[in-house]
């Protein structure tokens, strides 16, 4: 099983959206028996809460189900997951501070790294829509980022 973790600040906006969209992409590709997806936040403010209403309504508009609950990123995630992806540089830095290359094998990157390499987005970070809105823009980035990530995983693991 290939395990993928998306990480943002509170685990109620960006990472749950990436989680839901990527799960749908994996399922549509017929790979849901090979790839497991989850999300977490670097902060613990929202542990146990549902996703932000903007995330939920955007996912619903695109017919993508999601019923996850916020949880906090923990250093052990670097053992459990093969891919740990920060939604922005701050999240990425937090993950990196917990990374010990001798103890962990996870591929750590910014989520949009793969889409940047594929040339499908120019942004390097997924903006946080918590205060500003912009959930549709986040959805668009997550959708293209997920496609690029799935292509990368398929190539790396010969799926």
N, C-alpha and C. Protein backbone atom coordinates (compact mmCIF):
# COMPACT_ATOMS: atom_id res chain seq x y z
N UNK A 1 0.84 -1.18 0.00
CA UNK A 1 0.00 0.00 0.00
C UNK A 1 0.89 1.25 0.00
N UNK A 2 0.56 2.20 -0.84
CA UNK A 2 1.26 3.49 -0.90
C UNK A 2 0.42 4.48 -0.10
N UNK A 3 1.05 5.12 0.89
CA UNK A 3 0.33 6.02 1.79
C UNK A 3 0.73 7.47 1.53
N UNK A 4 -0.28 8.33 1.34
CA UNK A 4 -0.08 9.74 1.00
C UNK A 4 -0.74 10.60 2.06
N UNK A 5 0.00 11.60 2.57
CA UNK A 5 -0.52 12.51 3.58
C UNK A 5 -0.37 13.95 3.11
N UNK A 6 -1.47 14.70 3.16
CA UNK A 6 -1.47 16.12 2.85
C UNK A 6 -1.49 16.90 4.16
N UNK A 7 -0.66 17.93 4.26
CA UNK A 7 -0.53 18.68 5.51
C UNK A 7 -0.72 20.18 5.26
N UNK A 8 -1.64 20.79 6.03
CA UNK A 8 -1.79 22.24 6.01
C UNK A 8 -1.75 22.72 7.47
N UNK A 9 -2.21 23.91 7.72
CA UNK A 9 -2.10 24.49 9.06
C UNK A 9 -3.08 23.87 10.05
N UNK A 10 -4.36 23.93 9.76
CA UNK A 10 -5.37 23.47 10.72
C UNK A 10 -6.10 22.20 10.34
N UNK A 11 -5.87 21.71 9.12
CA UNK A 11 -6.51 20.49 8.62
C UNK A 11 -8.02 20.64 8.50
N UNK A 12 -8.46 21.86 8.10
CA UNK A 12 -9.89 22.03 7.84
C UNK A 12 -10.18 22.64 6.47
N UNK A 13 -9.17 23.17 5.79
CA UNK A 13 -9.41 23.80 4.47
C UNK A 13 -8.68 23.07 3.34
N UNK A 14 -7.38 23.33 3.23
CA UNK A 14 -6.62 22.85 2.07
C UNK A 14 -6.33 21.37 2.10
N UNK A 15 -5.80 20.85 3.20
CA UNK A 15 -5.42 19.43 3.20
C UNK A 15 -6.63 18.51 3.13
N UNK A 16 -7.78 18.82 3.78
CA UNK A 16 -8.92 17.93 3.57
C UNK A 16 -9.44 17.99 2.13
N UNK A 17 -9.33 19.18 1.50
CA UNK A 17 -9.76 19.26 0.11
C UNK A 17 -8.84 18.40 -0.76
N UNK A 18 -7.53 18.50 -0.53
CA UNK A 18 -6.59 17.67 -1.29
C UNK A 18 -6.84 16.19 -1.02
N UNK A 19 -7.11 15.86 0.23
CA UNK A 19 -7.41 14.48 0.63
C UNK A 19 -8.61 13.96 -0.17
N UNK A 20 -9.69 14.70 -0.17
CA UNK A 20 -10.93 14.26 -0.84
C UNK A 20 -10.75 14.18 -2.35
N UNK A 21 -10.16 15.21 -2.94
CA UNK A 21 -9.97 15.25 -4.39
C UNK A 21 -9.04 14.13 -4.83
N UNK A 22 -7.93 13.95 -4.11
CA UNK A 22 -6.99 12.90 -4.49
C UNK A 22 -7.60 11.52 -4.31
N UNK A 23 -8.37 11.32 -3.24
CA UNK A 23 -9.06 10.04 -3.07
C UNK A 23 -9.96 9.75 -4.26
N UNK A 24 -10.69 10.77 -4.73
CA UNK A 24 -11.57 10.59 -5.90
C UNK A 24 -10.75 10.27 -7.15
N UNK A 25 -9.62 10.95 -7.32
CA UNK A 25 -8.76 10.68 -8.48
C UNK A 25 -8.20 9.27 -8.44
N UNK A 26 -7.78 8.85 -7.26
CA UNK A 26 -7.25 7.50 -7.08
C UNK A 26 -8.34 6.46 -7.39
N UNK A 27 -9.54 6.71 -6.88
CA UNK A 27 -10.65 5.78 -7.12
C UNK A 27 -10.99 5.73 -8.61
N UNK A 28 -11.05 6.89 -9.26
CA UNK A 28 -11.36 6.93 -10.69
C UNK A 28 -10.30 6.21 -11.52
N UNK A 29 -9.07 6.18 -11.03
CA UNK A 29 -7.98 5.49 -11.72
C UNK A 29 -7.96 4.00 -11.41
N UNK A 30 -8.87 3.55 -10.52
CA UNK A 30 -8.91 2.14 -10.15
C UNK A 30 -7.76 1.72 -9.25
N UNK A 31 -7.20 2.68 -8.50
CA UNK A 31 -6.03 2.38 -7.67
C UNK A 31 -6.32 2.49 -6.17
N UNK A 32 -7.59 2.53 -5.79
CA UNK A 32 -7.92 2.70 -4.37
C UNK A 32 -7.55 1.50 -3.53
N UNK A 33 -7.19 0.38 -4.15
CA UNK A 33 -6.69 -0.77 -3.40
C UNK A 33 -5.16 -0.71 -3.25
N UNK A 34 -4.53 0.31 -3.87
CA UNK A 34 -3.07 0.44 -3.81
C UNK A 34 -2.60 1.73 -3.15
N UNK A 35 -3.46 2.75 -3.09
CA UNK A 35 -3.08 4.04 -2.55
C UNK A 35 -4.06 4.46 -1.45
N UNK A 36 -3.52 4.76 -0.27
CA UNK A 36 -4.32 5.24 0.87
C UNK A 36 -4.00 6.72 1.08
N UNK A 37 -5.03 7.53 1.37
CA UNK A 37 -4.88 8.97 1.47
C UNK A 37 -5.38 9.46 2.82
N UNK A 38 -4.69 10.47 3.38
CA UNK A 38 -5.10 11.08 4.64
C UNK A 38 -4.63 12.53 4.64
N UNK A 39 -5.03 13.26 5.67
CA UNK A 39 -4.58 14.65 5.81
C UNK A 39 -4.41 14.97 7.29
N UNK A 40 -3.63 16.03 7.55
CA UNK A 40 -3.36 16.45 8.93
C UNK A 40 -3.01 17.94 8.92
N UNK A 41 -3.01 18.52 10.11
CA UNK A 41 -2.62 19.92 10.26
C UNK A 41 -1.43 20.05 11.19
N UNK A 42 -0.63 21.08 10.97
CA UNK A 42 0.52 21.28 11.85
C UNK A 42 0.08 21.80 13.22
N UNK A 43 -1.06 22.49 13.27
CA UNK A 43 -1.60 22.99 14.53
C UNK A 43 -2.72 22.11 15.04
N UNK A 44 -3.01 22.21 16.32
CA UNK A 44 -4.03 21.35 16.92
C UNK A 44 -5.35 22.03 17.24
N UNK A 45 -5.57 23.25 16.72
CA UNK A 45 -6.76 24.02 17.08
C UNK A 45 -8.06 23.35 16.71
N UNK A 46 -8.08 22.58 15.62
CA UNK A 46 -9.35 22.06 15.09
C UNK A 46 -9.49 20.55 15.22
N UNK A 47 -8.67 19.92 16.05
CA UNK A 47 -8.71 18.46 16.17
C UNK A 47 -10.15 17.99 16.41
N UNK A 48 -10.57 17.03 15.59
CA UNK A 48 -11.89 16.44 15.72
C UNK A 48 -12.99 17.16 14.96
N UNK A 49 -12.72 18.34 14.45
CA UNK A 49 -13.73 19.10 13.72
C UNK A 49 -13.87 18.61 12.28
N UNK A 50 -15.03 18.92 11.70
CA UNK A 50 -15.24 18.65 10.28
C UNK A 50 -14.50 19.72 9.48
N UNK A 51 -14.41 19.51 8.19
CA UNK A 51 -13.76 20.49 7.31
C UNK A 51 -14.52 21.81 7.33
N UNK A 52 -13.84 22.87 7.00
CA UNK A 52 -14.42 24.22 6.90
C UNK A 52 -15.65 24.19 5.98
N UNK A 53 -16.67 24.97 6.29
CA UNK A 53 -17.86 24.99 5.41
C UNK A 53 -17.53 25.32 3.95
N UNK A 54 -16.55 26.18 3.71
CA UNK A 54 -16.15 26.48 2.33
C UNK A 54 -15.57 25.28 1.62
N UNK A 55 -14.79 24.49 2.34
CA UNK A 55 -14.24 23.25 1.76
C UNK A 55 -15.37 22.27 1.48
N UNK A 56 -16.25 22.08 2.46
CA UNK A 56 -17.35 21.12 2.28
C UNK A 56 -18.26 21.53 1.12
N UNK A 57 -18.61 22.81 1.02
CA UNK A 57 -19.52 23.23 -0.05
C UNK A 57 -18.85 23.13 -1.42
N UNK A 58 -17.56 23.43 -1.50
CA UNK A 58 -16.83 23.32 -2.77
C UNK A 58 -16.75 21.86 -3.21
N UNK A 59 -16.43 20.98 -2.27
CA UNK A 59 -16.38 19.55 -2.61
C UNK A 59 -17.76 19.05 -3.04
N UNK A 60 -18.80 19.47 -2.34
CA UNK A 60 -20.17 19.05 -2.68
C UNK A 60 -20.54 19.53 -4.07
N UNK A 61 -20.18 20.77 -4.39
CA UNK A 61 -20.46 21.33 -5.72
C UNK A 61 -19.84 20.48 -6.82
N UNK A 62 -18.70 19.87 -6.54
CA UNK A 62 -17.99 19.03 -7.51
C UNK A 62 -18.27 17.54 -7.32
N UNK A 63 -19.29 17.24 -6.51
CA UNK A 63 -19.72 15.84 -6.26
C UNK A 63 -18.60 14.97 -5.72
N UNK A 64 -17.82 15.52 -4.79
CA UNK A 64 -16.74 14.76 -4.17
C UNK A 64 -17.06 14.61 -2.68
N UNK A 65 -17.26 13.37 -2.23
CA UNK A 65 -17.60 13.16 -0.82
C UNK A 65 -16.39 13.35 0.10
N UNK A 66 -16.66 13.79 1.32
CA UNK A 66 -15.62 13.88 2.34
C UNK A 66 -16.27 13.91 3.71
N UNK A 67 -15.81 13.06 4.60
CA UNK A 67 -16.37 13.05 5.96
C UNK A 67 -15.29 12.96 7.02
N UNK A 68 -14.07 13.35 6.65
CA UNK A 68 -12.94 13.28 7.58
C UNK A 68 -13.05 14.28 8.71
N UNK A 69 -12.24 14.06 9.71
CA UNK A 69 -12.14 14.94 10.89
C UNK A 69 -10.70 15.41 11.02
N UNK A 70 -10.53 16.65 11.45
CA UNK A 70 -9.19 17.21 11.59
C UNK A 70 -8.37 16.45 12.62
N UNK A 71 -7.10 16.29 12.30
CA UNK A 71 -6.14 15.70 13.23
C UNK A 71 -4.83 16.44 13.09
N UNK A 72 -3.96 16.29 14.05
CA UNK A 72 -2.68 16.98 14.02
C UNK A 72 -1.58 16.07 13.48
N UNK A 73 -0.72 16.66 12.67
CA UNK A 73 0.46 15.97 12.16
C UNK A 73 1.34 15.55 13.33
N UNK A 74 1.89 14.34 13.23
CA UNK A 74 2.81 13.85 14.27
C UNK A 74 4.04 13.28 13.59
N UNK A 75 5.19 13.36 14.23
CA UNK A 75 6.43 12.85 13.62
C UNK A 75 6.32 11.41 13.13
N UNK A 76 5.52 10.57 13.80
CA UNK A 76 5.36 9.18 13.35
C UNK A 76 4.73 9.08 11.96
N UNK A 77 4.06 10.15 11.52
CA UNK A 77 3.49 10.14 10.16
C UNK A 77 4.59 9.96 9.12
N UNK A 78 5.80 10.36 9.46
CA UNK A 78 6.92 10.23 8.52
C UNK A 78 7.38 8.78 8.37
N UNK A 79 6.93 7.94 9.28
CA UNK A 79 7.20 6.50 9.19
C UNK A 79 6.06 5.81 8.45
N UNK A 80 4.84 6.21 8.78
CA UNK A 80 3.63 5.58 8.23
C UNK A 80 3.41 5.91 6.76
N UNK A 81 3.73 7.14 6.37
CA UNK A 81 3.39 7.61 5.02
C UNK A 81 4.60 7.62 4.10
N UNK A 82 4.35 7.29 2.83
CA UNK A 82 5.39 7.29 1.81
C UNK A 82 5.59 8.68 1.21
N UNK A 83 4.51 9.46 1.16
CA UNK A 83 4.53 10.82 0.65
C UNK A 83 3.90 11.73 1.69
N UNK A 84 4.63 12.76 2.11
CA UNK A 84 4.12 13.74 3.07
C UNK A 84 4.28 15.10 2.39
N UNK A 85 3.14 15.73 2.11
CA UNK A 85 3.12 16.90 1.23
C UNK A 85 2.55 18.12 1.93
N UNK A 86 3.38 19.15 2.05
CA UNK A 86 2.95 20.40 2.65
C UNK A 86 2.24 21.26 1.63
N UNK A 87 1.17 21.91 2.06
CA UNK A 87 0.39 22.74 1.15
C UNK A 87 1.07 24.10 0.91
N UNK A 88 1.92 24.54 1.84
CA UNK A 88 2.69 25.76 1.63
C UNK A 88 4.05 25.62 2.29
N UNK A 89 4.89 26.64 2.12
CA UNK A 89 6.27 26.57 2.63
C UNK A 89 6.34 26.44 4.14
N UNK A 90 5.43 27.09 4.84
CA UNK A 90 5.41 27.00 6.30
C UNK A 90 5.11 25.57 6.75
N UNK A 91 4.13 24.94 6.13
CA UNK A 91 3.80 23.54 6.45
C UNK A 91 4.97 22.62 6.11
N UNK A 92 5.57 22.86 4.96
CA UNK A 92 6.72 22.07 4.51
C UNK A 92 7.86 22.19 5.53
N UNK A 93 8.14 23.42 5.97
CA UNK A 93 9.21 23.64 6.96
C UNK A 93 8.92 22.89 8.26
N UNK A 94 7.65 22.89 8.69
CA UNK A 94 7.26 22.18 9.91
C UNK A 94 7.54 20.68 9.75
N UNK A 95 7.17 20.14 8.62
CA UNK A 95 7.41 18.71 8.36
C UNK A 95 8.92 18.43 8.36
N UNK A 96 9.68 19.29 7.69
CA UNK A 96 11.13 19.12 7.60
C UNK A 96 11.80 19.12 8.97
N UNK A 97 11.31 19.95 9.89
CA UNK A 97 11.89 20.00 11.24
C UNK A 97 11.74 18.68 11.97
N UNK A 98 10.76 17.88 11.59
CA UNK A 98 10.52 16.59 12.23
C UNK A 98 11.16 15.42 11.48
N UNK A 99 11.83 15.73 10.38
CA UNK A 99 12.35 14.69 9.51
C UNK A 99 13.77 14.30 9.88
N UNK A 100 13.98 13.01 10.06
CA UNK A 100 15.30 12.45 10.30
C UNK A 100 15.55 11.46 9.17
N UNK A 101 16.40 11.82 8.22
CA UNK A 101 16.57 10.98 7.04
C UNK A 101 17.07 9.58 7.36
N UNK A 102 17.68 9.39 8.52
CA UNK A 102 18.13 8.05 8.90
C UNK A 102 16.99 7.19 9.44
N UNK A 103 15.90 7.84 9.89
CA UNK A 103 14.80 7.10 10.50
C UNK A 103 13.55 7.05 9.60
N UNK A 104 13.49 7.90 8.59
CA UNK A 104 12.28 8.00 7.78
C UNK A 104 12.60 7.83 6.30
N UNK A 105 11.65 7.25 5.60
CA UNK A 105 11.82 7.06 4.16
C UNK A 105 10.84 7.88 3.34
N UNK A 106 10.01 8.69 3.98
CA UNK A 106 8.97 9.43 3.28
C UNK A 106 9.56 10.39 2.27
N UNK A 107 8.86 10.55 1.15
CA UNK A 107 9.19 11.60 0.19
C UNK A 107 8.44 12.84 0.65
N UNK A 108 9.17 13.86 1.04
CA UNK A 108 8.58 15.09 1.55
C UNK A 108 8.74 16.17 0.49
N UNK A 109 7.63 16.86 0.21
CA UNK A 109 7.68 17.89 -0.81
C UNK A 109 6.55 18.88 -0.60
N UNK A 110 6.62 19.99 -1.30
CA UNK A 110 5.45 20.85 -1.43
C UNK A 110 4.47 20.12 -2.34
N UNK A 111 3.21 20.17 -2.02
CA UNK A 111 2.19 19.46 -2.80
C UNK A 111 2.26 19.83 -4.28
N UNK A 112 2.40 21.12 -4.60
CA UNK A 112 2.36 21.55 -6.00
C UNK A 112 3.67 21.30 -6.75
N UNK A 113 4.67 20.75 -6.08
CA UNK A 113 5.95 20.44 -6.73
C UNK A 113 5.75 19.62 -8.01
N UNK A 114 4.92 18.61 -7.95
CA UNK A 114 4.71 17.70 -9.09
C UNK A 114 4.00 18.42 -10.24
N UNK A 115 3.05 19.28 -9.91
CA UNK A 115 2.34 20.05 -10.94
C UNK A 115 3.27 21.11 -11.54
N UNK A 116 4.17 21.66 -10.72
CA UNK A 116 5.17 22.60 -11.25
C UNK A 116 6.06 21.88 -12.25
N UNK A 117 6.53 20.69 -11.89
CA UNK A 117 7.37 19.91 -12.80
C UNK A 117 6.65 19.56 -14.09
N UNK A 118 5.34 19.27 -13.98
CA UNK A 118 4.54 18.92 -15.16
C UNK A 118 4.14 20.14 -15.97
N UNK A 119 4.33 21.34 -15.40
CA UNK A 119 3.97 22.56 -16.10
C UNK A 119 2.49 22.88 -16.11
N UNK A 120 1.73 22.28 -15.17
CA UNK A 120 0.28 22.51 -15.15
C UNK A 120 -0.15 23.63 -14.21
N UNK A 121 0.76 24.08 -13.34
CA UNK A 121 0.51 25.25 -12.49
C UNK A 121 1.80 26.04 -12.36
N UNK A 122 1.65 27.35 -12.10
CA UNK A 122 2.83 28.18 -11.86
C UNK A 122 3.01 28.47 -10.38
N UNK A 123 1.93 28.39 -9.60
CA UNK A 123 2.01 28.61 -8.16
C UNK A 123 2.82 27.50 -7.52
N UNK A 124 3.55 27.83 -6.45
CA UNK A 124 4.30 26.82 -5.73
C UNK A 124 3.60 26.42 -4.44
N UNK A 125 2.66 27.24 -3.99
CA UNK A 125 1.94 26.98 -2.74
C UNK A 125 0.44 27.08 -2.97
N UNK A 126 -0.30 26.31 -2.19
CA UNK A 126 -1.76 26.41 -2.20
C UNK A 126 -2.14 27.44 -1.14
N UNK A 127 -2.76 28.56 -1.54
CA UNK A 127 -3.08 29.60 -0.56
C UNK A 127 -4.14 29.14 0.44
N UNK A 128 -4.05 29.68 1.65
CA UNK A 128 -4.99 29.32 2.70
C UNK A 128 -6.27 30.16 2.55
N UNK A 129 -7.41 29.53 2.28
CA UNK A 129 -8.65 30.28 2.08
C UNK A 129 -9.43 30.53 3.37
N UNK A 130 -8.85 30.20 4.53
CA UNK A 130 -9.56 30.27 5.80
C UNK A 130 -10.20 31.64 6.03
N UNK A 131 -9.44 32.71 5.84
CA UNK A 131 -9.96 34.06 6.08
C UNK A 131 -10.38 34.77 4.81
N UNK A 132 -9.80 34.39 3.68
CA UNK A 132 -9.99 35.15 2.46
C UNK A 132 -10.98 34.54 1.47
N UNK A 133 -11.39 33.31 1.67
CA UNK A 133 -12.22 32.64 0.68
C UNK A 133 -11.32 32.04 -0.40
N UNK A 134 -11.81 32.01 -1.61
CA UNK A 134 -10.99 31.48 -2.70
C UNK A 134 -10.97 29.96 -2.74
N UNK A 135 -12.03 29.34 -2.24
CA UNK A 135 -12.07 27.87 -2.20
C UNK A 135 -12.08 27.25 -3.60
N UNK A 136 -12.70 27.92 -4.57
CA UNK A 136 -12.70 27.38 -5.94
C UNK A 136 -11.29 27.41 -6.54
N UNK A 137 -10.54 28.47 -6.26
CA UNK A 137 -9.16 28.53 -6.73
C UNK A 137 -8.33 27.41 -6.09
N UNK A 138 -8.52 27.21 -4.80
CA UNK A 138 -7.83 26.12 -4.10
C UNK A 138 -8.22 24.79 -4.73
N UNK A 139 -9.50 24.60 -5.03
CA UNK A 139 -9.96 23.36 -5.66
C UNK A 139 -9.24 23.15 -6.99
N UNK A 140 -9.15 24.20 -7.80
CA UNK A 140 -8.49 24.09 -9.10
C UNK A 140 -7.02 23.68 -8.95
N UNK A 141 -6.33 24.30 -8.00
CA UNK A 141 -4.93 23.94 -7.75
C UNK A 141 -4.80 22.51 -7.26
N UNK A 142 -5.68 22.13 -6.36
CA UNK A 142 -5.65 20.78 -5.78
C UNK A 142 -5.95 19.73 -6.85
N UNK A 143 -6.88 20.04 -7.72
CA UNK A 143 -7.23 19.09 -8.78
C UNK A 143 -6.03 18.86 -9.71
N UNK A 144 -5.40 19.93 -10.14
CA UNK A 144 -4.23 19.80 -11.03
C UNK A 144 -3.03 19.21 -10.29
N UNK A 145 -2.87 19.61 -9.02
CA UNK A 145 -1.79 19.05 -8.22
C UNK A 145 -1.96 17.56 -8.00
N UNK A 146 -3.19 17.14 -7.76
CA UNK A 146 -3.49 15.72 -7.57
C UNK A 146 -3.21 14.89 -8.81
N UNK A 147 -3.59 15.42 -9.96
CA UNK A 147 -3.34 14.71 -11.21
C UNK A 147 -1.84 14.50 -11.42
N UNK A 148 -1.07 15.55 -11.17
CA UNK A 148 0.39 15.44 -11.33
C UNK A 148 1.00 14.48 -10.32
N UNK A 149 0.52 14.55 -9.07
CA UNK A 149 1.01 13.63 -8.04
C UNK A 149 0.68 12.19 -8.41
N UNK A 150 -0.53 11.94 -8.86
CA UNK A 150 -0.92 10.58 -9.24
C UNK A 150 -0.05 10.08 -10.38
N UNK A 151 0.23 10.93 -11.36
CA UNK A 151 1.12 10.52 -12.46
C UNK A 151 2.51 10.19 -11.93
N UNK A 152 3.01 11.00 -10.99
CA UNK A 152 4.32 10.74 -10.39
C UNK A 152 4.33 9.39 -9.66
N UNK A 153 3.30 9.13 -8.85
CA UNK A 153 3.23 7.88 -8.10
C UNK A 153 3.12 6.69 -9.04
N UNK A 154 2.30 6.83 -10.07
CA UNK A 154 2.16 5.73 -11.05
C UNK A 154 3.51 5.40 -11.69
N UNK A 155 4.25 6.44 -12.04
CA UNK A 155 5.56 6.25 -12.67
C UNK A 155 6.55 5.63 -11.67
N UNK A 156 6.61 6.18 -10.46
CA UNK A 156 7.56 5.70 -9.44
C UNK A 156 7.30 4.24 -9.04
N UNK A 157 6.02 3.87 -8.97
CA UNK A 157 5.65 2.55 -8.47
C UNK A 157 5.15 1.61 -9.58
N UNK A 158 5.29 2.07 -10.82
CA UNK A 158 4.91 1.26 -11.98
C UNK A 158 3.47 0.74 -11.88
N UNK A 159 2.55 1.66 -11.62
CA UNK A 159 1.13 1.31 -11.50
C UNK A 159 0.38 1.57 -12.80
